[in-house]
Amino acid sequence: MTIKIQKERGEKDVGFKTKMGSLVVSHQKV
């Protein structure tokens, strides 16, 4: 399991990428 962090337009998406797909566990606007 890997941790995928994306930063776009001031938005921070933290999710775990699994074989089933990507699961977002936290979403915060910075």
PDB file of N, CA and C in Angstrom:
ATOM      1  N   MET A   1       0.842  -1.190   0.000  1.00  0.00           N
ATOM      2  CA  MET A   1       0.000   0.000   0.000  1.00  0.00           C
ATOM      3  C   MET A   1       0.885   1.250   0.000  1.00  0.00           C
ATOM      4  N   THR A   2       0.572   2.161  -0.898  1.00  0.00           N
ATOM      5  CA  THR A   2       1.367   3.382  -0.995  1.00  0.00           C
ATOM      6  C   THR A   2       0.512   4.598  -0.672  1.00  0.00           C
ATOM      7  N   ILE A   3       1.157   5.642  -0.214  1.00  0.00           N
ATOM      8  CA  ILE A   3       0.444   6.877   0.123  1.00  0.00           C
ATOM      9  C   ILE A   3       0.610   7.880  -1.011  1.00  0.00           C
ATOM     10  N   LYS A   4      -0.523   8.336  -1.540  1.00  0.00           N
ATOM     11  CA  LYS A   4      -0.470   9.294  -2.642  1.00  0.00           C
ATOM     12  C   LYS A   4      -0.915  10.673  -2.164  1.00  0.00           C
ATOM     13  N   ILE A   5      -0.047  11.657  -2.339  1.00  0.00           N
ATOM     14  CA  ILE A   5      -0.372  13.018  -1.924  1.00  0.00           C
ATOM     15  C   ILE A   5      -0.390  13.932  -3.147  1.00  0.00           C
ATOM     16  N   GLN A   6      -1.495  14.620  -3.341  1.00  0.00           N
ATOM     17  CA  GLN A   6      -1.625  15.518  -4.481  1.00  0.00           C
ATOM     18  C   GLN A   6      -1.924  16.930  -4.006  1.00  0.00           C
ATOM     19  N   LYS A   7      -1.223  17.903  -4.597  1.00  0.00           N
ATOM     20  CA  LYS A   7      -1.495  19.306  -4.260  1.00  0.00           C
ATOM     21  C   LYS A   7      -1.872  20.035  -5.540  1.00  0.00           C
ATOM     22  N   GLU A   8      -3.114  20.542  -5.575  1.00  0.00           N
ATOM     23  CA  GLU A   8      -3.594  21.240  -6.762  1.00  0.00           C
ATOM     24  C   GLU A   8      -4.540  22.356  -6.362  1.00  0.00           C
ATOM     25  N   ARG A   9      -4.292  23.550  -6.887  1.00  0.00           N
ATOM     26  CA  ARG A   9      -5.134  24.716  -6.615  1.00  0.00           C
ATOM     27  C   ARG A   9      -5.324  24.944  -5.115  1.00  0.00           C
ATOM     28  N   GLY A  10      -4.254  24.690  -4.334  1.00  0.00           N
ATOM     29  CA  GLY A  10      -4.330  24.938  -2.906  1.00  0.00           C
ATOM     30  C   GLY A  10      -5.096  23.861  -2.164  1.00  0.00           C
ATOM     31  N   GLU A  11      -5.416  22.749  -2.853  1.00  0.00           N
ATOM     32  CA  GLU A  11      -6.135  21.671  -2.193  1.00  0.00           C
ATOM     33  C   GLU A  11      -5.185  20.518  -1.915  1.00  0.00           C
ATOM     34  N   LYS A  12      -5.286  19.956  -0.738  1.00  0.00           N
ATOM     35  CA  LYS A  12      -4.400  18.865  -0.354  1.00  0.00           C
ATOM     36  C   LYS A  12      -5.196  17.572  -0.243  1.00  0.00           C
ATOM     37  N   ASP A  13      -4.849  16.590  -1.058  1.00  0.00           N
ATOM     38  CA  ASP A  13      -5.539  15.306  -1.020  1.00  0.00           C
ATOM     39  C   ASP A  13      -4.583  14.223  -0.558  1.00  0.00           C
ATOM     40  N   VAL A  14      -4.940  13.580   0.535  1.00  0.00           N
ATOM     41  CA  VAL A  14      -4.113  12.490   1.034  1.00  0.00           C
ATOM     42  C   VAL A  14      -4.925  11.205   0.967  1.00  0.00           C
ATOM     43  N   GLY A  15      -4.441  10.234   0.231  1.00  0.00           N
ATOM     44  CA  GLY A  15      -5.191   8.989   0.085  1.00  0.00           C
ATOM     45  C   GLY A  15      -4.279   7.788  -0.021  1.00  0.00           C
ATOM     46  N   PHE A  16      -4.852   6.607   0.166  1.00  0.00           N
ATOM     47  CA  PHE A  16      -4.085   5.377   0.057  1.00  0.00           C
ATOM     48  C   PHE A  16      -4.483   4.654  -1.225  1.00  0.00           C
ATOM     49  N   LYS A  17      -3.486   4.292  -2.017  1.00  0.00           N
ATOM     50  CA  LYS A  17      -3.762   3.613  -3.276  1.00  0.00           C
ATOM     51  C   LYS A  17      -3.682   2.101  -3.067  1.00  0.00           C
ATOM     52  N   THR A  18      -4.800   1.432  -3.281  1.00  0.00           N
ATOM     53  CA  THR A  18      -4.853  -0.010  -3.101  1.00  0.00           C
ATOM     54  C   THR A  18      -5.143  -0.681  -4.434  1.00  0.00           C
ATOM     55  N   LYS A  19      -5.141  -1.998  -4.443  1.00  0.00           N
ATOM     56  CA  LYS A  19      -5.412  -2.724  -5.679  1.00  0.00           C
ATOM     57  C   LYS A  19      -6.869  -2.552  -6.120  1.00  0.00           C
ATOM     58  N   MET A  20      -7.711  -2.130  -5.183  1.00  0.00           N
ATOM     59  CA  MET A  20      -9.107  -1.877  -5.508  1.00  0.00           C
ATOM     60  C   MET A  20      -9.279  -0.495  -6.128  1.00  0.00           C
ATOM     61  N   GLY A  21      -8.287   0.361  -5.877  1.00  0.00           N
ATOM     62  CA  GLY A  21      -8.376   1.726  -6.396  1.00  0.00           C
ATOM     63  C   GLY A  21      -7.761   2.684  -5.392  1.00  0.00           C
ATOM     64  N   SER A  22      -8.136   3.934  -5.501  1.00  0.00           N
ATOM     65  CA  SER A  22      -7.595   4.930  -4.582  1.00  0.00           C
ATOM     66  C   SER A  22      -8.647   5.316  -3.545  1.00  0.00           C
ATOM     67  N   LEU A  23      -8.230   5.323  -2.285  1.00  0.00           N
ATOM     68  CA  LEU A  23      -9.148   5.680  -1.211  1.00  0.00           C
ATOM     69  C   LEU A  23      -8.671   6.956  -0.534  1.00  0.00           C
ATOM     70  N   VAL A  24      -9.545   7.949  -0.534  1.00  0.00           N
ATOM     71  CA  VAL A  24      -9.184   9.226   0.082  1.00  0.00           C
ATOM     72  C   VAL A  24      -9.563   9.194   1.558  1.00  0.00           C
ATOM     73  N   VAL A  25      -8.555   9.363   2.409  1.00  0.00           N
ATOM     74  CA  VAL A  25      -8.800   9.302   3.845  1.00  0.00           C
ATOM     75  C   VAL A  25      -8.843  10.693   4.456  1.00  0.00           C
ATOM     76  N   SER A  26      -8.301  11.671   3.749  1.00  0.00           N
ATOM     77  CA  SER A  26      -8.307  13.038   4.282  1.00  0.00           C
ATOM     78  C   SER A  26      -8.311  14.043   3.146  1.00  0.00           C
ATOM     79  N   HIS A  27      -9.150  15.078   3.299  1.00  0.00           N
ATOM     80  CA  HIS A  27      -9.225  16.116   2.283  1.00  0.00           C
ATOM     81  C   HIS A  27      -9.310  17.476   2.969  1.00  0.00           C
ATOM     82  N   GLN A  28      -8.286  18.320   2.737  1.00  0.00           N
ATOM     83  CA  GLN A  28      -8.268  19.621   3.386  1.00  0.00           C
ATOM     84  C   GLN A  28      -7.927  20.703   2.378  1.00  0.00           C
ATOM     85  N   LYS A  29      -8.570  21.845   2.520  1.00  0.00           N
ATOM     86  CA  LYS A  29      -8.248  22.984   1.660  1.00  0.00           C
ATOM     87  C   LYS A  29      -7.293  23.895   2.414  1.00  0.00           C
ATOM     88  N   VAL A  30      -6.122  24.119   1.858  1.00  0.00           N
ATOM     89  CA  VAL A  30      -5.128  24.936   2.540  1.00  0.00           C
ATOM     90  C   VAL A  30      -5.035  26.306   1.875  1.00  0.00           C
TER      91      VAL A  30
END
